[in-house]
PDB file of all heavy atoms in Angstrom:
ATOM      1  N   SER A   1      13.482   8.180   9.739  1.00  0.00           N
ATOM      2  CA  SER A   1      14.893   7.802   9.338  1.00  0.00           C
ATOM      3  C   SER A   1      15.069   7.630   7.784  1.00  0.00           C
ATOM      4  O   SER A   1      15.602   6.567   7.363  1.00  0.00           O
ATOM      5  CB  SER A   1      15.379   6.540  10.177  1.00  0.00           C
ATOM      6  OG  SER A   1      15.277   6.834  11.543  1.00  0.00           O
ATOM      7  N   LEU A   2      14.463   8.456   7.091  1.00  0.00           N
ATOM      8  CA  LEU A   2      14.368   8.297   5.663  1.00  0.00           C
ATOM      9  C   LEU A   2      15.680   8.289   4.986  1.00  0.00           C
ATOM     10  O   LEU A   2      16.626   8.959   5.316  1.00  0.00           O
ATOM     11  CB  LEU A   2      13.509   9.332   5.110  1.00  0.00           C
ATOM     12  CG  LEU A   2      11.914   9.256   5.387  1.00  0.00           C
ATOM     13  CD1 LEU A   2      11.148  10.473   5.008  1.00  0.00           C
ATOM     14  CD2 LEU A   2      11.404   8.094   4.646  1.00  0.00           C
ATOM     15  N   LYS A   3      15.758   7.371   3.931  1.00  0.00           N
ATOM     16  CA  LYS A   3      17.001   7.320   3.100  1.00  0.00           C
ATOM     17  C   LYS A   3      16.570   7.775   1.692  1.00  0.00           C
ATOM     18  O   LYS A   3      15.452   7.562   1.335  1.00  0.00           O
ATOM     19  CB  LYS A   3      17.438   5.898   3.167  1.00  0.00           C
ATOM     20  CG  LYS A   3      17.741   5.407   4.493  1.00  0.00           C
ATOM     21  CD  LYS A   3      17.976   3.853   4.547  1.00  0.00           C
ATOM     22  CE  LYS A   3      18.107   3.242   5.966  1.00  0.00           C
ATOM     23  NZ  LYS A   3      18.499   1.823   5.838  1.00  0.00           N
ATOM     24  N   PRO A   4      17.610   8.077   0.916  1.00  0.00           N
ATOM     25  CA  PRO A   4      17.317   8.453  -0.491  1.00  0.00           C
ATOM     26  C   PRO A   4      16.693   7.315  -1.214  1.00  0.00           C
ATOM     27  O   PRO A   4      15.846   7.528  -2.100  1.00  0.00           O
ATOM     28  CB  PRO A   4      18.677   8.649  -1.107  1.00  0.00           C
ATOM     29  CG  PRO A   4      19.444   9.248   0.146  1.00  0.00           C
ATOM     30  CD  PRO A   4      19.011   8.377   1.240  1.00  0.00           C
ATOM     31  N   GLU A   5      16.985   6.120  -0.939  1.00  0.00           N
ATOM     32  CA  GLU A   5      16.296   4.919  -1.577  1.00  0.00           C
ATOM     33  C   GLU A   5      14.763   4.720  -1.237  1.00  0.00           C
ATOM     34  O   GLU A   5      14.228   3.960  -1.861  1.00  0.00           O
ATOM     35  CB  GLU A   5      17.108   3.646  -1.247  1.00  0.00           C
ATOM     36  CG  GLU A   5      17.300   3.420   0.196  1.00  0.00           C
ATOM     37  CD  GLU A   5      18.797   3.931   0.612  1.00  0.00           C
ATOM     38  OE1 GLU A   5      19.123   4.981   0.112  1.00  0.00           O
ATOM     39  OE2 GLU A   5      19.521   3.117   1.255  1.00  0.00           O
ATOM     40  N   ASP A   6      14.397   5.539  -0.330  1.00  0.00           N
ATOM     41  CA  ASP A   6      12.900   5.451   0.111  1.00  0.00           C
ATOM     42  C   ASP A   6      12.133   6.396  -0.898  1.00  0.00           C
ATOM     43  O   ASP A   6      10.866   6.413  -0.807  1.00  0.00           O
ATOM     44  CB  ASP A   6      12.671   5.969   1.468  1.00  0.00           C
ATOM     45  CG  ASP A   6      13.189   5.058   2.564  1.00  0.00           C
ATOM     46  OD1 ASP A   6      13.088   3.736   2.336  1.00  0.00           O
ATOM     47  OD2 ASP A   6      13.797   5.517   3.561  1.00  0.00           O
ATOM     48  N   THR A   7      12.763   7.146  -1.683  1.00  0.00           N
ATOM     49  CA  THR A   7      12.097   7.967  -2.755  1.00  0.00           C
ATOM     50  C   THR A   7      11.234   7.118  -3.574  1.00  0.00           C
ATOM     51  O   THR A   7      11.674   6.182  -4.277  1.00  0.00           O
ATOM     52  CB  THR A   7      13.157   8.741  -3.607  1.00  0.00           C
ATOM     53  OG1 THR A   7      13.830   9.652  -2.698  1.00  0.00           O
ATOM     54  CG2 THR A   7      12.393   9.564  -4.641  1.00  0.00           C
ATOM     55  N   ALA A   8      10.026   7.471  -3.633  1.00  0.00           N
ATOM     56  CA  ALA A   8       9.060   6.826  -4.367  1.00  0.00           C
ATOM     57  C   ALA A   8       7.701   7.476  -4.351  1.00  0.00           C
ATOM     58  O   ALA A   8       7.457   8.321  -3.476  1.00  0.00           O
ATOM     59  CB  ALA A   8       8.873   5.295  -3.987  1.00  0.00           C
ATOM     60  N   VAL A   9       6.712   6.955  -5.181  1.00  0.00           N
ATOM     61  CA  VAL A   9       5.313   7.373  -4.986  1.00  0.00           C
ATOM     62  C   VAL A   9       4.668   6.299  -4.109  1.00  0.00           C
ATOM     63  O   VAL A   9       4.789   5.098  -4.324  1.00  0.00           O
ATOM     64  CB  VAL A   9       4.534   7.387  -6.342  1.00  0.00           C
ATOM     65  CG1 VAL A   9       3.119   7.661  -6.163  1.00  0.00           C
ATOM     66  CG2 VAL A   9       5.186   8.472  -7.215  1.00  0.00           C
ATOM     67  N   TYR A  10       3.990   6.722  -2.996  1.00  0.00           N
ATOM     68  CA  TYR A  10       3.410   5.837  -2.050  1.00  0.00           C
ATOM     69  C   TYR A  10       2.010   5.715  -2.291  1.00  0.00           C
ATOM     70  O   TYR A  10       1.285   6.745  -2.418  1.00  0.00           O
ATOM     71  CB  TYR A  10       3.805   6.327  -0.622  1.00  0.00           C
ATOM     72  CG  TYR A  10       5.161   6.009  -0.244  1.00  0.00           C
ATOM     73  CD1 TYR A  10       6.330   6.685  -0.808  1.00  0.00           C
ATOM     74  CD2 TYR A  10       5.507   5.007   0.690  1.00  0.00           C
ATOM     75  CE1 TYR A  10       7.605   6.409  -0.485  1.00  0.00           C
ATOM     76  CE2 TYR A  10       6.831   4.689   1.094  1.00  0.00           C
ATOM     77  CZ  TYR A  10       7.768   5.386   0.499  1.00  0.00           C
ATOM     78  OH  TYR A  10       9.122   5.130   0.768  1.00  0.00           O
ATOM     79  N   TYR A  11       1.489   4.524  -2.357  1.00  0.00           N
ATOM     80  CA  TYR A  11       0.101   4.253  -2.629  1.00  0.00           C
ATOM     81  C   TYR A  11      -0.522   3.591  -1.473  1.00  0.00           C
ATOM     82  O   TYR A  11      -0.040   2.617  -0.924  1.00  0.00           O
ATOM     83  CB  TYR A  11      -0.129   3.414  -3.846  1.00  0.00           C
ATOM     84  CG  TYR A  11       0.428   4.015  -5.116  1.00  0.00           C
ATOM     85  CD1 TYR A  11       1.677   3.767  -5.545  1.00  0.00           C
ATOM     86  CD2 TYR A  11      -0.339   4.703  -5.968  1.00  0.00           C
ATOM     87  CE1 TYR A  11       2.208   4.309  -6.670  1.00  0.00           C
ATOM     88  CE2 TYR A  11       0.108   5.258  -7.201  1.00  0.00           C
ATOM     89  CZ  TYR A  11       1.497   4.989  -7.489  1.00  0.00           C
ATOM     90  OH  TYR A  11       1.975   5.465  -8.693  1.00  0.00           O
ATOM     91  N   CYS A  12      -1.761   3.901  -1.081  1.00  0.00           N
ATOM     92  CA  CYS A  12      -2.516   3.091  -0.127  1.00  0.00           C
ATOM     93  C   CYS A  12      -3.539   2.202  -0.939  1.00  0.00           C
ATOM     94  O   CYS A  12      -3.969   2.484  -2.036  1.00  0.00           O
ATOM     95  CB  CYS A  12      -3.318   3.961   0.911  1.00  0.00           C
ATOM     96  SG  CYS A  12      -4.612   4.930   0.245  1.00  0.00           S
ATOM     97  N   ALA A  13      -3.838   1.063  -0.280  1.00  0.00           N
ATOM     98  CA  ALA A  13      -4.757   0.135  -0.959  1.00  0.00           C
ATOM     99  C   ALA A  13      -5.769  -0.429  -0.032  1.00  0.00           C
ATOM    100  O   ALA A  13      -5.454  -0.630   1.159  1.00  0.00           O
ATOM    101  CB  ALA A  13      -3.927  -0.896  -1.646  1.00  0.00           C
ATOM    102  N   LEU A  14      -6.903  -0.828  -0.536  1.00  0.00           N
ATOM    103  CA  LEU A  14      -7.962  -1.421   0.255  1.00  0.00           C
ATOM    104  C   LEU A  14      -8.411  -2.691  -0.292  1.00  0.00           C
ATOM    105  O   LEU A  14      -8.537  -2.915  -1.376  1.00  0.00           O
ATOM    106  CB  LEU A  14      -9.165  -0.423   0.353  1.00  0.00           C
ATOM    107  CG  LEU A  14     -10.400  -0.790   1.157  1.00  0.00           C
ATOM    108  CD1 LEU A  14     -11.055   0.473   1.641  1.00  0.00           C
ATOM    109  CD2 LEU A  14     -11.375  -1.647   0.179  1.00  0.00           C
ATOM    110  N   ARG A  15      -8.643  -3.733   0.647  1.00  0.00           N
ATOM    111  CA  ARG A  15      -9.085  -5.001   0.175  1.00  0.00           C
ATOM    112  C   ARG A  15     -10.582  -5.159   0.696  1.00  0.00           C
ATOM    113  O   ARG A  15     -10.981  -4.921   1.826  1.00  0.00           O
ATOM    114  CB  ARG A  15      -8.258  -6.186   0.874  1.00  0.00           C
ATOM    115  CG  ARG A  15      -8.841  -7.488   0.537  1.00  0.00           C
ATOM    116  CD  ARG A  15      -7.980  -8.656   1.224  1.00  0.00           C
ATOM    117  NE  ARG A  15      -8.556  -9.931   1.139  1.00  0.00           N
ATOM    118  CZ  ARG A  15      -8.396 -10.760   0.123  1.00  0.00           C
ATOM    119  NH1 ARG A  15      -7.685 -10.342  -0.934  1.00  0.00           N
ATOM    120  NH2 ARG A  15      -9.073 -11.870   0.237  1.00  0.00           N
ATOM    121  N   PHE A  16     -11.401  -5.444  -0.257  1.00  0.00           N
ATOM    122  CA  PHE A  16     -12.836  -5.772  -0.002  1.00  0.00           C
ATOM    123  C   PHE A  16     -13.203  -7.091  -0.502  1.00  0.00           C
ATOM    124  O   PHE A  16     -13.282  -7.313  -1.795  1.00  0.00           O
ATOM    125  CB  PHE A  16     -13.668  -4.694  -0.672  1.00  0.00           C
ATOM    126  CG  PHE A  16     -15.196  -4.979  -0.663  1.00  0.00           C
ATOM    127  CD1 PHE A  16     -15.761  -5.281   0.567  1.00  0.00           C
ATOM    128  CD2 PHE A  16     -15.921  -4.995  -1.761  1.00  0.00           C
ATOM    129  CE1 PHE A  16     -17.197  -5.576   0.662  1.00  0.00           C
ATOM    130  CE2 PHE A  16     -17.291  -5.272  -1.694  1.00  0.00           C
ATOM    131  CZ  PHE A  16     -17.862  -5.526  -0.554  1.00  0.00           C
ATOM    132  N   THR A  17     -13.233  -8.068   0.450  1.00  0.00           N
ATOM    133  CA  THR A  17     -13.601  -9.437   0.169  1.00  0.00           C
ATOM    134  C   THR A  17     -14.400 -10.039   1.232  1.00  0.00           C
ATOM    135  O   THR A  17     -13.967  -9.939   2.405  1.00  0.00           O
ATOM    136  CB  THR A  17     -12.344 -10.308  -0.109  1.00  0.00           C
ATOM    137  OG1 THR A  17     -11.593  -9.736  -1.133  1.00  0.00           O
ATOM    138  CG2 THR A  17     -12.670 -11.665  -0.492  1.00  0.00           C
ATOM    139  N   LEU A  18     -15.570 -10.536   0.842  1.00  0.00           N
ATOM    140  CA  LEU A  18     -16.408 -11.138   1.884  1.00  0.00           C
ATOM    141  C   LEU A  18     -15.714 -12.405   2.456  1.00  0.00           C
ATOM    142  O   LEU A  18     -15.081 -13.137   1.743  1.00  0.00           O
ATOM    143  CB  LEU A  18     -17.759 -11.501   1.280  1.00  0.00           C
ATOM    144  CG  LEU A  18     -18.595 -10.447   0.726  1.00  0.00           C
ATOM    145  CD1 LEU A  18     -19.836 -10.939  -0.012  1.00  0.00           C
ATOM    146  CD2 LEU A  18     -18.970  -9.427   1.803  1.00  0.00           C
ATOM    147  N   GLY A  19     -15.832 -12.562   3.782  1.00  0.00           N
ATOM    148  CA  GLY A  19     -15.347 -13.690   4.431  1.00  0.00           C
ATOM    149  C   GLY A  19     -13.996 -13.676   5.101  1.00  0.00           C
ATOM    150  O   GLY A  19     -13.606 -14.532   5.688  1.00  0.00           O
ATOM    151  N   ASP A  20     -13.297 -12.544   4.767  1.00  0.00           N
ATOM    152  CA  ASP A  20     -12.011 -12.363   5.365  1.00  0.00           C
ATOM    153  C   ASP A  20     -12.049 -12.234   6.905  1.00  0.00           C
ATOM    154  O   ASP A  20     -13.095 -11.692   7.424  1.00  0.00           O
ATOM    155  CB  ASP A  20     -11.389 -11.059   4.938  1.00  0.00           C
ATOM    156  CG  ASP A  20     -10.863 -11.226   3.541  1.00  0.00           C
ATOM    157  OD1 ASP A  20     -10.757 -12.331   2.957  1.00  0.00           O
ATOM    158  OD2 ASP A  20     -10.376 -10.179   2.959  1.00  0.00           O
ATOM    159  N   SER A  21     -11.111 -12.935   7.671  1.00  0.00           N
ATOM    160  CA  SER A  21     -11.045 -12.804   8.986  1.00  0.00           C
ATOM    161  C   SER A  21     -10.410 -11.485   9.433  1.00  0.00           C
ATOM    162  O   SER A  21      -9.656 -10.858   8.720  1.00  0.00           O
ATOM    163  CB  SER A  21     -10.177 -13.893   9.579  1.00  0.00           C
ATOM    164  OG  SER A  21     -10.814 -15.205   9.324  1.00  0.00           O
ATOM    165  N   GLY A  22     -10.893 -11.015  10.563  1.00  0.00           N
ATOM    166  CA  GLY A  22     -10.359  -9.672  11.038  1.00  0.00           C
ATOM    167  C   GLY A  22      -8.940  -9.572  11.387  1.00  0.00           C
ATOM    168  O   GLY A  22      -8.383  -8.401  11.365  1.00  0.00           O
ATOM    169  N   ASP A  23      -8.320 -10.657  11.532  1.00  0.00           N
ATOM    170  CA  ASP A  23      -6.940 -10.514  11.877  1.00  0.00           C
ATOM    171  C   ASP A  23      -5.884 -10.869  10.637  1.00  0.00           C
ATOM    172  O   ASP A  23      -4.704 -11.083  10.817  1.00  0.00           O
ATOM    173  CB  ASP A  23      -6.554 -11.502  13.063  1.00  0.00           C
ATOM    174  CG  ASP A  23      -6.913 -12.943  12.690  1.00  0.00           C
ATOM    175  OD1 ASP A  23      -7.576 -13.208  11.690  1.00  0.00           O
ATOM    176  OD2 ASP A  23      -6.543 -13.829  13.512  1.00  0.00           O
ATOM    177  N   ARG A  24      -6.419 -11.032   9.526  1.00  0.00           N
ATOM    178  CA  ARG A  24      -5.643 -11.442   8.373  1.00  0.00           C
ATOM    179  C   ARG A  24      -4.869 -10.308   7.817  1.00  0.00           C
ATOM    180  O   ARG A  24      -5.347  -9.160   7.788  1.00  0.00           O
ATOM    181  CB  ARG A  24      -6.520 -12.117   7.244  1.00  0.00           C
ATOM    182  CG  ARG A  24      -7.037 -13.470   7.601  1.00  0.00           C
ATOM    183  CD  ARG A  24      -7.658 -14.155   6.444  1.00  0.00           C
ATOM    184  NE  ARG A  24      -6.775 -14.365   5.371  1.00  0.00           N
ATOM    185  CZ  ARG A  24      -6.963 -14.934   4.256  1.00  0.00           C
ATOM    186  NH1 ARG A  24      -8.383 -15.192   3.963  1.00  0.00           N
ATOM    187  NH2 ARG A  24      -6.133 -15.165   3.271  1.00  0.00           N
ATOM    188  N   ILE A  25      -3.710 -10.651   7.328  1.00  0.00           N
ATOM    189  CA  ILE A  25      -2.811  -9.687   6.612  1.00  0.00           C
ATOM    190  C   ILE A  25      -2.561 -10.017   5.119  1.00  0.00           C
ATOM    191  O   ILE A  25      -2.554 -11.135   4.745  1.00  0.00           O
ATOM    192  CB  ILE A  25      -1.360  -9.632   7.316  1.00  0.00           C
ATOM    193  CG1 ILE A  25      -1.566  -8.909   8.713  1.00  0.00           C
ATOM    194  CG2 ILE A  25      -0.395  -8.781   6.511  1.00  0.00           C
ATOM    195  CD1 ILE A  25      -1.720  -7.499   8.722  1.00  0.00           C
ATOM    196  N   PHE A  26      -2.604  -8.983   4.347  1.00  0.00           N
ATOM    197  CA  PHE A  26      -2.430  -9.150   2.802  1.00  0.00           C
ATOM    198  C   PHE A  26      -1.213  -8.328   2.368  1.00  0.00           C
ATOM    199  O   PHE A  26      -1.136  -7.155   2.654  1.00  0.00           O
ATOM    200  CB  PHE A  26      -3.656  -8.879   2.047  1.00  0.00           C
ATOM    201  CG  PHE A  26      -4.814  -9.549   2.607  1.00  0.00           C
ATOM    202  CD1 PHE A  26      -5.611  -9.004   3.592  1.00  0.00           C
ATOM    203  CD2 PHE A  26      -5.062 -10.933   2.171  1.00  0.00           C
ATOM    204  CE1 PHE A  26      -6.750  -9.724   4.079  1.00  0.00           C
ATOM    205  CE2 PHE A  26      -6.277 -11.550   2.696  1.00  0.00           C
ATOM    206  CZ  PHE A  26      -7.007 -10.930   3.581  1.00  0.00           C
ATOM    207  N   ILE A  27      -0.289  -9.076   1.535  1.00  0.00           N
ATOM    208  CA  ILE A  27       0.959  -8.259   1.099  1.00  0.00           C
ATOM    209  C   ILE A  27       1.112  -8.282  -0.313  1.00  0.00           C
ATOM    210  O   ILE A  27       2.033  -7.708  -0.869  1.00  0.00           O
ATOM    211  CB  ILE A  27       2.161  -8.900   1.754  1.00  0.00           C
ATOM    212  CG1 ILE A  27       2.372 -10.431   1.291  1.00  0.00           C
ATOM    213  CG2 ILE A  27       2.038  -8.915   3.300  1.00  0.00           C
ATOM    214  CD1 ILE A  27       3.654 -11.046   1.781  1.00  0.00           C
ATOM    215  N   ARG A  28       0.239  -8.935  -1.089  1.00  0.00           N
ATOM    216  CA  ARG A  28       0.382  -8.909  -2.489  1.00  0.00           C
ATOM    217  C   ARG A  28      -0.466  -7.998  -3.179  1.00  0.00           C
ATOM    218  O   ARG A  28      -1.633  -7.751  -2.781  1.00  0.00           O
ATOM    219  CB  ARG A  28       0.056 -10.372  -3.091  1.00  0.00           C
ATOM    220  CG  ARG A  28       1.155 -11.387  -2.734  1.00  0.00           C
ATOM    221  CD  ARG A  28       0.871 -12.798  -3.335  1.00  0.00           C
ATOM    222  NE  ARG A  28      -0.097 -13.445  -2.510  1.00  0.00           N
ATOM    223  CZ  ARG A  28       0.167 -14.113  -1.389  1.00  0.00           C
ATOM    224  NH1 ARG A  28       1.455 -14.305  -1.058  1.00  0.00           N
ATOM    225  NH2 ARG A  28      -0.804 -14.773  -0.695  1.00  0.00           N
ATOM    226  N   ILE A  29      -0.058  -7.405  -4.314  1.00  0.00           N
ATOM    227  CA  ILE A  29      -0.770  -6.398  -5.162  1.00  0.00           C
ATOM    228  C   ILE A  29      -2.144  -7.052  -5.458  1.00  0.00           C
ATOM    229  O   ILE A  29      -3.198  -6.258  -5.398  1.00  0.00           O
ATOM    230  CB  ILE A  29       0.043  -5.848  -6.206  1.00  0.00           C
ATOM    231  CG1 ILE A  29       1.267  -5.115  -5.825  1.00  0.00           C
ATOM    232  CG2 ILE A  29      -0.789  -5.108  -7.200  1.00  0.00           C
ATOM    233  CD1 ILE A  29       2.195  -4.776  -6.966  1.00  0.00           C
ATOM    234  N   THR A  30      -2.117  -8.197  -5.978  1.00  0.00           N
ATOM    235  CA  THR A  30      -3.356  -8.806  -6.460  1.00  0.00           C
ATOM    236  C   THR A  30      -4.357  -9.150  -5.383  1.00  0.00           C
ATOM    237  O   THR A  30      -5.495  -9.466  -5.686  1.00  0.00           O
ATOM    238  CB  THR A  30      -3.058 -10.100  -7.259  1.00  0.00           C
ATOM    239  OG1 THR A  30      -2.269 -11.059  -6.286  1.00  0.00           O
ATOM    240  CG2 THR A  30      -2.234  -9.833  -8.436  1.00  0.00           C
ATOM    241  N   GLU A  31      -4.030  -8.889  -4.161  1.00  0.00           N
ATOM    242  CA  GLU A  31      -5.000  -9.154  -3.054  1.00  0.00           C
ATOM    243  C   GLU A  31      -5.846  -8.024  -2.662  1.00  0.00           C
ATOM    244  O   GLU A  31      -6.712  -8.013  -1.878  1.00  0.00           O
ATOM    245  CB  GLU A  31      -4.233  -9.631  -1.744  1.00  0.00           C
ATOM    246  CG  GLU A  31      -3.609 -11.082  -1.963  1.00  0.00           C
ATOM    247  CD  GLU A  31      -2.907 -11.480  -0.752  1.00  0.00           C
ATOM    248  OE1 GLU A  31      -2.099 -10.637  -0.225  1.00  0.00           O
ATOM    249  OE2 GLU A  31      -3.083 -12.674  -0.323  1.00  0.00           O
ATOM    250  N   TYR A  32      -5.465  -6.856  -3.303  1.00  0.00           N
ATOM    251  CA  TYR A  32      -6.183  -5.598  -3.001  1.00  0.00           C
ATOM    252  C   TYR A  32      -7.089  -5.215  -4.124  1.00  0.00           C
ATOM    253  O   TYR A  32      -6.815  -5.410  -5.386  1.00  0.00           O
ATOM    254  CB  TYR A  32      -5.202  -4.420  -2.709  1.00  0.00           C
ATOM    255  CG  TYR A  32      -4.591  -4.644  -1.354  1.00  0.00           C
ATOM    256  CD1 TYR A  32      -3.380  -5.381  -1.233  1.00  0.00           C
ATOM    257  CD2 TYR A  32      -5.116  -3.963  -0.220  1.00  0.00           C
ATOM    258  CE1 TYR A  32      -2.797  -5.624  -0.014  1.00  0.00           C
ATOM    259  CE2 TYR A  32      -4.531  -4.265   0.976  1.00  0.00           C
ATOM    260  CZ  TYR A  32      -3.392  -5.045   1.220  1.00  0.00           C
ATOM    261  OH  TYR A  32      -2.796  -5.158   2.366  1.00  0.00           O
ATOM    262  N   ASN A  33      -8.252  -4.441  -3.833  1.00  0.00           N
ATOM    263  CA  ASN A  33      -9.224  -4.140  -4.833  1.00  0.00           C
ATOM    264  C   ASN A  33      -9.193  -2.704  -5.257  1.00  0.00           C
ATOM    265  O   ASN A  33      -9.564  -2.330  -6.348  1.00  0.00           O
ATOM    266  CB  ASN A  33     -10.631  -4.549  -4.289  1.00  0.00           C
ATOM    267  CG  ASN A  33     -10.682  -5.923  -3.793  1.00  0.00           C
ATOM    268  OD1 ASN A  33     -10.616  -6.174  -2.573  1.00  0.00           O
ATOM    269  ND2 ASN A  33     -10.774  -6.861  -4.662  1.00  0.00           N
ATOM    270  N   TYR A  34      -8.925  -1.851  -4.343  1.00  0.00           N
ATOM    271  CA  TYR A  34      -8.950  -0.434  -4.588  1.00  0.00           C
ATOM    272  C   TYR A  34      -7.598   0.325  -4.244  1.00  0.00           C
ATOM    273  O   TYR A  34      -7.014  -0.069  -3.289  1.00  0.00           O
ATOM    274  CB  TYR A  34     -10.114   0.245  -3.836  1.00  0.00           C
ATOM    275  CG  TYR A  34     -11.342  -0.311  -4.172  1.00  0.00           C
ATOM    276  CD1 TYR A  34     -11.960  -1.340  -3.529  1.00  0.00           C
ATOM    277  CD2 TYR A  34     -12.171   0.287  -5.340  1.00  0.00           C
ATOM    278  CE1 TYR A  34     -13.203  -1.876  -3.778  1.00  0.00           C
ATOM    279  CE2 TYR A  34     -13.368  -0.321  -5.557  1.00  0.00           C
ATOM    280  CZ  TYR A  34     -13.866  -1.330  -4.936  1.00  0.00           C
ATOM    281  OH  TYR A  34     -15.185  -1.888  -5.144  1.00  0.00           O
ATOM    282  N   TRP A  35      -7.287   1.384  -5.102  1.00  0.00           N
ATOM    283  CA  TRP A  35      -6.098   1.997  -4.906  1.00  0.00           C
ATOM    284  C   TRP A  35      -6.148   3.530  -5.034  1.00  0.00           C
ATOM    285  O   TRP A  35      -7.055   4.042  -5.784  1.00  0.00           O
ATOM    286  CB  TRP A  35      -5.098   1.617  -6.049  1.00  0.00           C
ATOM    287  CG  TRP A  35      -4.692   0.081  -6.024  1.00  0.00           C
ATOM    288  CD1 TRP A  35      -5.426  -0.985  -6.527  1.00  0.00           C
ATOM    289  CD2 TRP A  35      -3.547  -0.411  -5.374  1.00  0.00           C
ATOM    290  NE1 TRP A  35      -4.760  -2.034  -6.192  1.00  0.00           N
ATOM    291  CE2 TRP A  35      -3.560  -1.832  -5.514  1.00  0.00           C
ATOM    292  CE3 TRP A  35      -2.325   0.177  -4.834  1.00  0.00           C
ATOM    293  CZ2 TRP A  35      -2.531  -2.652  -5.101  1.00  0.00           C
ATOM    294  CZ3 TRP A  35      -1.375  -0.689  -4.262  1.00  0.00           C
ATOM    295  CH2 TRP A  35      -1.498  -2.150  -4.450  1.00  0.00           C
ATOM    296  N   GLY A  36      -5.392   4.278  -4.216  1.00  0.00           N
ATOM    297  CA  GLY A  36      -5.409   5.690  -4.410  1.00  0.00           C
ATOM    298  C   GLY A  36      -4.434   6.088  -5.527  1.00  0.00           C
ATOM    299  O   GLY A  36      -3.849   5.220  -6.246  1.00  0.00           O
ATOM    300  N   GLN A  37      -4.351   7.358  -5.739  1.00  0.00           N
ATOM    301  CA  GLN A  37      -3.549   7.914  -6.866  1.00  0.00           C
ATOM    302  C   GLN A  37      -2.024   8.113  -6.446  1.00  0.00           C
ATOM    303  O   GLN A  37      -1.241   8.385  -7.320  1.00  0.00           O
ATOM    304  CB  GLN A  37      -4.139   9.193  -7.301  1.00  0.00           C
ATOM    305  CG  GLN A  37      -5.478   9.062  -7.990  1.00  0.00           C
ATOM    306  CD  GLN A  37      -5.448   8.071  -9.130  1.00  0.00           C
ATOM    307  OE1 GLN A  37      -4.774   8.263 -10.075  1.00  0.00           O
ATOM    308  NE2 GLN A  37      -6.348   7.041  -9.059  1.00  0.00           N
ATOM    309  N   GLY A  38      -1.771   8.001  -5.204  1.00  0.00           N
ATOM    310  CA  GLY A  38      -0.370   8.096  -4.756  1.00  0.00           C
ATOM    311  C   GLY A  38       0.047   9.487  -4.161  1.00  0.00           C
ATOM    312  O   GLY A  38      -0.486  10.445  -4.675  1.00  0.00           O
ATOM    313  N   THR A  39       1.139   9.511  -3.427  1.00  0.00           N
ATOM    314  CA  THR A  39       1.672  10.822  -2.965  1.00  0.00           C
ATOM    315  C   THR A  39       3.123  10.532  -2.966  1.00  0.00           C
ATOM    316  O   THR A  39       3.686   9.591  -2.646  1.00  0.00           O
ATOM    317  CB  THR A  39       1.224  11.078  -1.476  1.00  0.00           C
ATOM    318  OG1 THR A  39       1.707  12.306  -1.076  1.00  0.00           O
ATOM    319  CG2 THR A  39       1.673   9.970  -0.395  1.00  0.00           C
ATOM    320  N   GLN A  40       3.860  11.605  -3.474  1.00  0.00           N
ATOM    321  CA  GLN A  40       5.259  11.535  -3.796  1.00  0.00           C
ATOM    322  C   GLN A  40       6.136  11.773  -2.492  1.00  0.00           C
ATOM    323  O   GLN A  40       5.817  12.813  -1.811  1.00  0.00           O
ATOM    324  CB  GLN A  40       5.635  12.507  -4.803  1.00  0.00           C
ATOM    325  CG  GLN A  40       7.103  12.595  -5.113  1.00  0.00           C
ATOM    326  CD  GLN A  40       7.724  11.442  -5.904  1.00  0.00           C
ATOM    327  OE1 GLN A  40       7.094  11.083  -6.864  1.00  0.00           O
ATOM    328  NE2 GLN A  40       8.802  10.942  -5.340  1.00  0.00           N
ATOM    329  N   VAL A  41       7.017  10.906  -2.301  1.00  0.00           N
ATOM    330  CA  VAL A  41       8.039  11.220  -1.210  1.00  0.00           C
ATOM    331  C   VAL A  41       9.403  11.271  -1.844  1.00  0.00           C
ATOM    332  O   VAL A  41       9.806  10.268  -2.447  1.00  0.00           O
ATOM    333  CB  VAL A  41       7.969   9.985  -0.228  1.00  0.00           C
ATOM    334  CG1 VAL A  41       9.256  10.178   0.810  1.00  0.00           C
ATOM    335  CG2 VAL A  41       6.620   9.948   0.572  1.00  0.00           C
ATOM    336  N   THR A  42      10.085  12.372  -1.638  1.00  0.00           N
ATOM    337  CA  THR A  42      11.484  12.534  -2.256  1.00  0.00           C
ATOM    338  C   THR A  42      12.424  12.797  -1.023  1.00  0.00           C
ATOM    339  O   THR A  42      12.149  13.693  -0.251  1.00  0.00           O
ATOM    340  CB  THR A  42      11.510  13.723  -3.243  1.00  0.00           C
ATOM    341  OG1 THR A  42      10.507  13.438  -4.201  1.00  0.00           O
ATOM    342  CG2 THR A  42      12.862  13.800  -3.755  1.00  0.00           C
ATOM    343  N   VAL A  43      13.387  11.951  -0.920  1.00  0.00           N
ATOM    344  CA  VAL A  43      14.472  12.087   0.079  1.00  0.00           C
ATOM    345  C   VAL A  43      15.759  12.478  -0.469  1.00  0.00           C
ATOM    346  O   VAL A  43      16.303  11.767  -1.310  1.00  0.00           O
ATOM    347  CB  VAL A  43      14.625  10.850   0.849  1.00  0.00           C
ATOM    348  CG1 VAL A  43      15.531  11.015   2.095  1.00  0.00           C
ATOM    349  CG2 VAL A  43      13.377  10.243   1.413  1.00  0.00           C
ATOM    350  N   SER A  44      16.246  13.617  -0.085  1.00  0.00           N
ATOM    351  CA  SER A  44      17.636  14.173  -0.661  1.00  0.00           C
ATOM    352  C   SER A  44      18.717  13.669   0.302  1.00  0.00           C
ATOM    353  O   SER A  44      18.537  13.481   1.486  1.00  0.00           O
ATOM    354  CB  SER A  44      17.506  15.562  -0.789  1.00  0.00           C
ATOM    355  OG  SER A  44      17.359  16.275   0.504  1.00  0.00           O
TER     356      SER A  44
END
């Protein structure tokens, strides 16, 4: 159900930190260690 406002470069990110619990969720940019180069999504 894409909208024009969804247009952006989408990046995936990975968090590598010892001691994290398996059920934890992270939502801040600073909580991630590795990033991809992105893939463009354009909605007309």
